[in-house]
Amino acid sequence: MKVRYLLGAVAALALTTAAARAEYPERELQGVIMWGAGGATDTVARAVTPHVEEALGKKIVLVNKAGGAGAISTAFVNAAPADGYTLLYGAENPQVHGVLALSELDYSAFYPVNVLARGIAVIVAGKDAPWNSVKELVEDAQKRPGKIKMGSTGPGGLPHVVGALLNSVEAYKVTAVPFDGEGPGLTALQGGHVDFMPVGLSAAGEHIKAGRVKVLGVVNDKEVPSLPGVAPITKDFPGFSKYLPWGPFYGIWVKKDVPDAAKKTLVDAFRKGAENPQFTQLMVERGNVMMNISGAEADAFLKKWQAVTTWVLHDAGATKQSPEKFGIARP
């Protein structure tokens, strides 16, 4: 009798567990966007989410939680329960937080639900700026050190990294002005509060098309189809080629110890969302390269990106701590 009771209890527990897993998600989810409204990460997040919601059958409430070059949102999600209901919509920034002494957290503490796409950076200036190329900008900055203002998103942000990479090839000095994301930075650029800004093409694309900003160069080794006639940065700075291909990336993460069943549900939903033709077309139009990878494949990509970027920054004297401290091997 006891054996029958025990078997019955085990069977009931198994059914209850299976039912609980099958019910995920039971309620709406929260998506925490690392950067402010209007920036590249925000644009990607809000473009893919409706298609993911359709696959999940539940709403994902998106909130912008900018600050600390992504450290605030990363810490927020890390402090949330590991139940799969709090998602981090992030970019590349946490992978350099350690060497910049911004945070001990990077993506190794999370599970990559989907690395959606990687972007291409561009260097843009005000529409009435006197420069028509990155070379002209750098030459002017060398003549007037510290006088030219560069829009930034703080240490570890795309403008900071691109600036460090370029400075390692051709030394120049500008004054960085921080903003809570590429969107606010681009607004300030149009208002004349800063003179230029390295940003993701996905954030600047519409401004470029509308003539609100002037694109000086593409951080790539060849032209981008969506920007015909715009020279790659290697045209005037061939030494930059050793860092390429390089660019921002966009993805979704959850805490590493979220139940496997929830992870699978999220991976399947985001894969379907990323495959949506409308989203794919938007990414390509904005100069992004589709990836749509998760799990081990995404982890391998993240580790390689981190190794290349942190060591480049370290060699350029732009870090506060060595990548070695965090076990990041030189690529």
Protein backbone atom coordinates (compact mmCIF):
# COMPACT_ATOMS: atom_id res chain seq x y z
CA MET A 1 0.00 0.00 0.00
CA LYS A 2 2.84 2.35 0.91
CA VAL A 3 4.54 1.61 -2.40
CA ARG A 4 1.35 2.38 -4.31
CA TYR A 5 0.95 5.61 -2.37
CA LEU A 6 4.55 6.61 -3.07
CA LEU A 7 4.24 5.83 -6.77
CA GLY A 8 1.01 7.76 -6.91
CA ALA A 9 2.60 10.77 -5.21
CA VAL A 10 5.56 10.69 -7.58
CA ALA A 11 3.27 10.48 -10.59
CA ALA A 12 1.17 13.37 -9.30
CA LEU A 13 4.28 15.46 -8.71
CA ALA A 14 5.51 14.71 -12.22
CA LEU A 15 2.20 15.71 -13.73
CA THR A 16 2.10 18.89 -11.65
CA THR A 17 5.65 19.81 -12.69
CA ALA A 18 4.92 19.11 -16.34
CA ALA A 19 1.75 21.19 -16.18
CA ALA A 20 3.61 24.08 -14.54
CA ARG A 21 6.23 23.99 -17.25
CA ALA A 22 3.62 23.78 -19.97
CA GLU A 23 1.89 26.85 -18.59
CA TYR A 24 4.93 29.13 -18.94
CA PRO A 25 4.44 31.95 -19.49
CA GLU A 26 1.38 32.29 -17.28
CA ARG A 27 1.50 36.09 -17.25
CA GLU A 28 3.04 39.01 -19.04
CA LEU A 29 6.81 39.42 -19.08
CA GLN A 30 8.97 42.47 -18.51
CA GLY A 31 11.62 43.44 -21.04
CA VAL A 32 14.29 45.76 -19.67
CA ILE A 33 15.96 47.77 -22.44
CA MET A 34 19.56 48.70 -21.64
CA TRP A 35 19.52 52.09 -23.39
CA GLY A 36 17.18 55.04 -23.76
CA ALA A 37 14.31 55.54 -26.18
CA GLY A 38 15.24 56.08 -29.82
CA GLY A 39 18.64 54.41 -29.72
CA ALA A 40 19.70 51.33 -31.65
CA THR A 41 18.99 48.84 -28.85
CA ASP A 42 15.57 50.37 -28.24
CA THR A 43 14.75 50.30 -31.96
CA VAL A 44 15.69 46.62 -32.30
CA ALA A 45 13.82 45.67 -29.12
CA ARG A 46 10.59 47.36 -30.12
CA ALA A 47 10.77 45.97 -33.67
CA VAL A 48 11.16 42.30 -32.74
CA THR A 49 8.94 42.16 -29.65
CA PRO A 50 5.49 42.20 -31.34
CA HIS A 51 6.48 39.14 -33.39
CA VAL A 52 7.79 37.39 -30.27
CA GLU A 53 4.59 38.17 -28.37
CA GLU A 54 2.63 36.46 -31.12
CA ALA A 55 4.73 33.31 -30.68
CA LEU A 56 4.59 33.44 -26.86
CA GLY A 57 0.94 34.27 -26.57
CA LYS A 58 1.76 36.79 -23.85
CA LYS A 59 2.57 40.50 -23.64
CA ILE A 60 6.14 41.70 -23.03
CA VAL A 61 6.06 45.08 -21.28
CA LEU A 62 9.11 47.04 -22.39
CA VAL A 63 10.79 49.56 -20.10
CA ASN A 64 13.91 51.64 -20.72
CA LYS A 65 16.38 51.52 -17.87
CA ALA A 66 19.45 53.43 -19.06
CA GLY A 67 22.52 54.38 -17.05
CA GLY A 68 26.01 53.20 -16.26
CA ALA A 69 26.65 52.20 -19.89
CA GLY A 70 24.22 49.33 -19.38
CA ALA A 71 25.35 48.40 -15.86
CA ILE A 72 22.11 49.53 -14.19
CA SER A 73 19.79 47.40 -16.35
CA THR A 74 22.15 44.41 -16.15
CA ALA A 75 22.21 44.58 -12.35
CA PHE A 76 18.43 45.01 -12.26
CA VAL A 77 17.78 41.84 -14.27
CA ASN A 78 20.43 39.95 -12.32
CA ALA A 79 18.61 40.84 -9.08
CA ALA A 80 15.22 39.68 -10.41
CA PRO A 81 13.84 36.19 -9.70
CA ALA A 82 15.19 33.46 -12.00
CA ASP A 83 11.72 32.61 -13.30
CA GLY A 84 12.01 33.71 -16.92
CA TYR A 85 9.70 36.70 -16.53
CA THR A 86 12.39 39.40 -16.61
CA LEU A 87 14.30 39.75 -19.86
CA LEU A 88 17.34 41.89 -20.60
CA TYR A 89 17.32 43.55 -24.01
CA GLY A 90 20.95 44.49 -24.28
CA ALA A 91 23.86 45.41 -26.48
CA GLU A 92 27.58 44.75 -26.31
CA ASN A 93 28.42 46.98 -23.36
CA PRO A 94 28.51 44.49 -20.43
CA GLN A 95 31.33 42.63 -22.16
CA VAL A 96 33.68 45.51 -21.36
CA HIS A 97 32.30 46.52 -17.96
CA GLY A 98 34.95 44.59 -16.05
CA VAL A 99 38.00 46.15 -17.68
CA LEU A 100 36.41 49.59 -17.33
CA ALA A 101 35.69 48.96 -13.63
CA LEU A 102 31.97 49.65 -14.17
CA SER A 103 30.66 46.32 -12.94
CA GLU A 104 31.73 42.75 -12.24
CA LEU A 105 28.75 41.51 -14.27
CA ASP A 106 29.03 40.53 -17.91
CA TYR A 107 27.05 38.17 -20.12
CA SER A 108 28.76 35.11 -18.64
CA ALA A 109 26.25 35.48 -15.78
CA PHE A 110 23.30 35.21 -18.18
CA TYR A 111 21.84 32.84 -20.73
CA PRO A 112 21.71 34.19 -24.30
CA VAL A 113 18.13 33.71 -25.47
CA ASN A 114 19.01 35.24 -28.83
CA VAL A 115 21.78 37.37 -30.30
CA LEU A 116 19.60 38.88 -32.99
CA ALA A 117 21.99 40.84 -35.15
CA ARG A 118 25.26 42.70 -35.25
CA GLY A 119 25.45 46.21 -36.49
CA ILE A 120 27.84 48.50 -38.28
CA ALA A 121 28.96 51.74 -36.71
CA VAL A 122 29.10 55.07 -38.51
CA ILE A 123 30.62 58.41 -37.56
CA VAL A 124 28.15 61.24 -38.03
CA ALA A 125 28.38 65.00 -37.63
CA GLY A 126 25.97 67.93 -37.65
CA LYS A 127 24.56 68.61 -41.08
CA ASP A 128 26.45 71.90 -41.28
CA ALA A 129 29.76 70.52 -39.98
CA PRO A 130 32.86 71.62 -41.92
CA TRP A 131 34.13 68.05 -42.38
CA ASN A 132 33.19 65.61 -45.12
CA SER A 133 35.31 62.69 -43.98
CA VAL A 134 36.70 61.14 -40.82
CA LYS A 135 40.17 62.19 -41.94
CA GLU A 136 39.14 65.86 -42.06
CA LEU A 137 37.58 65.53 -38.60
CA VAL A 138 40.71 63.95 -37.11
CA GLU A 139 43.00 66.54 -38.72
CA ASP A 140 40.88 69.35 -37.28
CA ALA A 141 40.90 67.70 -33.83
CA GLN A 142 44.69 67.44 -33.99
CA LYS A 143 44.92 71.16 -34.73
CA ARG A 144 42.43 72.08 -31.98
CA PRO A 145 42.89 69.45 -29.23
CA GLY A 146 39.92 69.22 -26.88
CA LYS A 147 37.87 71.86 -28.70
CA ILE A 148 35.64 69.48 -30.67
CA LYS A 149 32.81 67.83 -28.74
CA MET A 150 31.97 64.16 -29.28
CA GLY A 151 28.62 62.72 -28.25
CA SER A 152 29.13 59.66 -26.06
CA THR A 153 27.15 57.11 -24.06
CA GLY A 154 29.75 56.73 -21.34
CA PRO A 155 32.68 54.33 -20.81
CA GLY A 156 32.23 51.11 -22.76
CA GLY A 157 29.55 52.52 -25.03
CA LEU A 158 29.93 52.34 -28.81
CA PRO A 159 31.20 55.93 -29.19
CA HIS A 160 33.83 55.36 -26.51
CA VAL A 161 35.06 52.11 -28.07
CA VAL A 162 35.14 53.46 -31.64
CA GLY A 163 36.93 56.55 -30.39
CA ALA A 164 39.55 54.39 -28.63
CA LEU A 165 40.05 52.23 -31.70
CA LEU A 166 40.53 55.24 -33.96
CA ASN A 167 42.78 56.97 -31.44
CA SER A 168 45.02 53.91 -31.37
CA VAL A 169 45.49 54.26 -35.13
CA GLU A 170 45.75 58.06 -35.34
CA ALA A 171 46.13 60.04 -32.10
CA TYR A 172 43.76 62.99 -31.60
CA LYS A 173 41.94 64.59 -28.68
CA VAL A 174 38.28 65.57 -28.35
CA THR A 175 35.96 66.30 -25.43
CA ALA A 176 33.39 63.55 -24.77
CA VAL A 177 29.89 64.63 -23.69
CA PRO A 178 27.87 61.70 -22.23
CA PHE A 179 24.18 60.97 -22.91
CA ASP A 180 21.80 58.19 -21.86
CA GLY A 181 21.90 56.40 -25.19
CA GLU A 182 22.41 57.04 -28.87
CA GLY A 183 18.94 58.55 -29.30
CA PRO A 184 19.49 61.47 -26.89
CA GLY A 185 23.01 61.89 -28.28
CA LEU A 186 21.74 62.19 -31.84
CA THR A 187 19.14 64.73 -30.71
CA ALA A 188 21.89 66.77 -29.08
CA LEU A 189 23.97 66.52 -32.26
CA GLN A 190 21.13 67.94 -34.32
CA GLY A 191 20.76 70.75 -31.81
CA GLY A 192 24.42 71.69 -32.09
CA HIS A 193 25.29 70.69 -28.52
CA VAL A 194 27.96 68.27 -29.77
CA ASP A 195 29.89 68.22 -33.04
CA PHE A 196 30.06 64.55 -33.99
CA MET A 197 29.24 61.09 -32.67
CA PRO A 198 30.08 57.47 -33.52
CA VAL A 199 26.78 55.53 -33.45
CA GLY A 200 25.17 52.39 -34.77
CA LEU A 201 23.88 52.71 -38.30
CA SER A 202 20.52 51.35 -37.13
CA ALA A 203 20.11 54.36 -34.83
CA ALA A 204 21.36 56.97 -37.30
CA GLY A 205 19.93 55.57 -40.55
CA GLU A 206 16.72 57.59 -40.66
CA HIS A 207 18.51 60.79 -39.60
CA ILE A 208 21.03 60.28 -42.40
CA LYS A 209 18.31 59.67 -45.00
CA ALA A 210 16.42 62.77 -43.88
CA GLY A 211 19.57 64.92 -44.04
CA ARG A 212 19.42 65.77 -40.35
CA VAL A 213 23.00 64.58 -39.83
CA LYS A 214 26.01 64.12 -42.10
CA VAL A 215 27.75 60.74 -42.26
CA LEU A 216 31.54 61.02 -42.40
CA GLY A 217 32.48 57.38 -42.62
CA VAL A 218 31.54 53.76 -42.03
CA VAL A 219 33.42 51.70 -39.45
CA ASN A 220 33.92 48.84 -41.86
CA ASP A 221 36.40 47.65 -44.48
CA LYS A 222 34.00 48.18 -47.39
CA GLU A 223 31.02 50.29 -48.36
CA VAL A 224 27.61 49.50 -46.91
CA PRO A 225 24.84 48.96 -49.51
CA SER A 226 22.45 51.26 -47.66
CA LEU A 227 25.05 54.09 -47.76
CA PRO A 228 26.41 54.09 -51.31
CA GLY A 229 29.35 56.40 -51.81
CA VAL A 230 30.21 56.67 -48.11
CA ALA A 231 33.82 55.65 -47.62
CA PRO A 232 34.81 52.91 -45.19
CA ILE A 233 37.12 54.10 -42.42
CA THR A 234 39.95 51.99 -43.83
CA LYS A 235 40.17 54.24 -46.87
CA ASP A 236 41.96 56.96 -44.90
CA PHE A 237 43.07 54.81 -41.95
CA PRO A 238 44.18 51.42 -43.34
CA GLY A 239 45.56 50.49 -39.91
CA PHE A 240 41.97 50.22 -38.68
CA SER A 241 41.51 47.03 -40.69
CA LYS A 242 43.09 44.92 -37.93
CA TYR A 243 40.04 45.60 -35.75
CA LEU A 244 37.46 44.67 -38.36
CA PRO A 245 34.85 43.31 -38.63
CA TRP A 246 33.67 45.02 -35.45
CA GLY A 247 30.39 46.50 -34.39
CA PRO A 248 27.60 46.59 -31.87
CA PHE A 249 25.26 43.68 -31.38
CA TYR A 250 21.77 43.29 -30.00
CA GLY A 251 20.18 40.46 -28.08
CA ILE A 252 18.06 39.13 -25.26
CA TRP A 253 19.26 37.49 -22.08
CA VAL A 254 17.80 35.92 -18.93
CA LYS A 255 19.47 34.81 -15.72
CA LYS A 256 21.53 31.67 -16.21
CA ASP A 257 19.57 29.60 -13.68
CA VAL A 258 16.15 30.18 -15.27
CA PRO A 259 14.47 26.74 -15.71
CA ASP A 260 15.44 24.99 -18.93
CA ALA A 261 11.82 24.67 -20.02
CA ALA A 262 11.36 28.45 -19.83
CA LYS A 263 14.63 29.00 -21.69
CA LYS A 264 13.47 26.71 -24.51
CA THR A 265 10.14 28.51 -24.76
CA LEU A 266 11.89 31.86 -24.99
CA VAL A 267 14.49 30.62 -27.48
CA ASP A 268 11.78 29.23 -29.75
CA ALA A 269 9.68 32.40 -29.54
CA PHE A 270 12.56 34.79 -30.22
CA ARG A 271 13.87 32.64 -33.06
CA LYS A 272 10.45 32.82 -34.70
CA GLY A 273 10.25 36.55 -34.03
CA ALA A 274 13.67 37.17 -35.57
CA GLU A 275 12.68 35.17 -38.66
CA ASN A 276 9.72 37.43 -39.33
CA PRO A 277 10.28 38.99 -42.80
CA GLN A 278 9.25 42.42 -41.58
CA PHE A 279 11.87 42.39 -38.82
CA THR A 280 14.56 40.89 -41.06
CA GLN A 281 13.95 43.54 -43.71
CA LEU A 282 14.19 46.31 -41.12
CA MET A 283 17.51 44.97 -39.84
CA VAL A 284 19.01 44.72 -43.31
CA GLU A 285 17.75 48.17 -44.30
CA ARG A 286 19.46 49.62 -41.25
CA GLY A 287 22.78 48.04 -42.07
CA ASN A 288 22.63 45.18 -39.57
CA VAL A 289 23.78 41.63 -40.23
CA MET A 290 21.25 39.04 -39.06
CA MET A 291 22.54 36.40 -36.63
CA ASN A 292 19.56 34.81 -34.79
CA ILE A 293 21.71 32.54 -32.59
CA SER A 294 21.32 31.30 -29.02
CA GLY A 295 22.86 29.02 -26.41
CA ALA A 296 26.38 27.69 -26.99
CA GLU A 297 26.70 29.29 -30.42
CA ALA A 298 25.84 32.69 -28.99
CA ASP A 299 28.20 32.17 -26.03
CA ALA A 300 31.11 31.47 -28.40
CA PHE A 301 30.38 34.68 -30.33
CA LEU A 302 30.15 36.71 -27.11
CA LYS A 303 33.45 35.42 -25.75
CA LYS A 304 35.31 36.14 -28.99
CA TRP A 305 33.87 39.66 -29.21
CA GLN A 306 34.84 40.29 -25.59
CA ALA A 307 38.42 39.08 -26.10
CA VAL A 308 38.99 41.24 -29.19
CA THR A 309 37.42 44.39 -27.74
CA THR A 310 38.81 44.30 -24.22
CA TRP A 311 42.37 43.68 -25.39
CA VAL A 312 42.13 46.42 -28.03
CA LEU A 313 40.95 48.84 -25.37
CA HIS A 314 43.63 47.69 -22.97
CA ASP A 315 46.39 48.07 -25.54
CA ALA A 316 45.07 51.55 -26.31
CA GLY A 317 45.36 52.49 -22.63
CA ALA A 318 41.59 52.87 -22.31
CA THR A 319 40.99 50.33 -19.52
CA LYS A 320 41.26 50.50 -15.75
CA GLN A 321 41.87 46.80 -15.28
CA SER A 322 43.57 44.18 -17.42
CA PRO A 323 41.45 41.56 -19.23
CA GLU A 324 43.72 39.00 -17.58
CA LYS A 325 42.10 39.74 -14.24
CA PHE A 326 38.83 38.38 -15.62
CA GLY A 327 40.35 35.37 -17.33
CA ILE A 328 39.95 36.85 -20.80
CA ALA A 329 42.67 35.40 -23.02
CA ARG A 330 44.34 37.56 -25.62
CA PRO A 331 42.90 36.59 -29.05
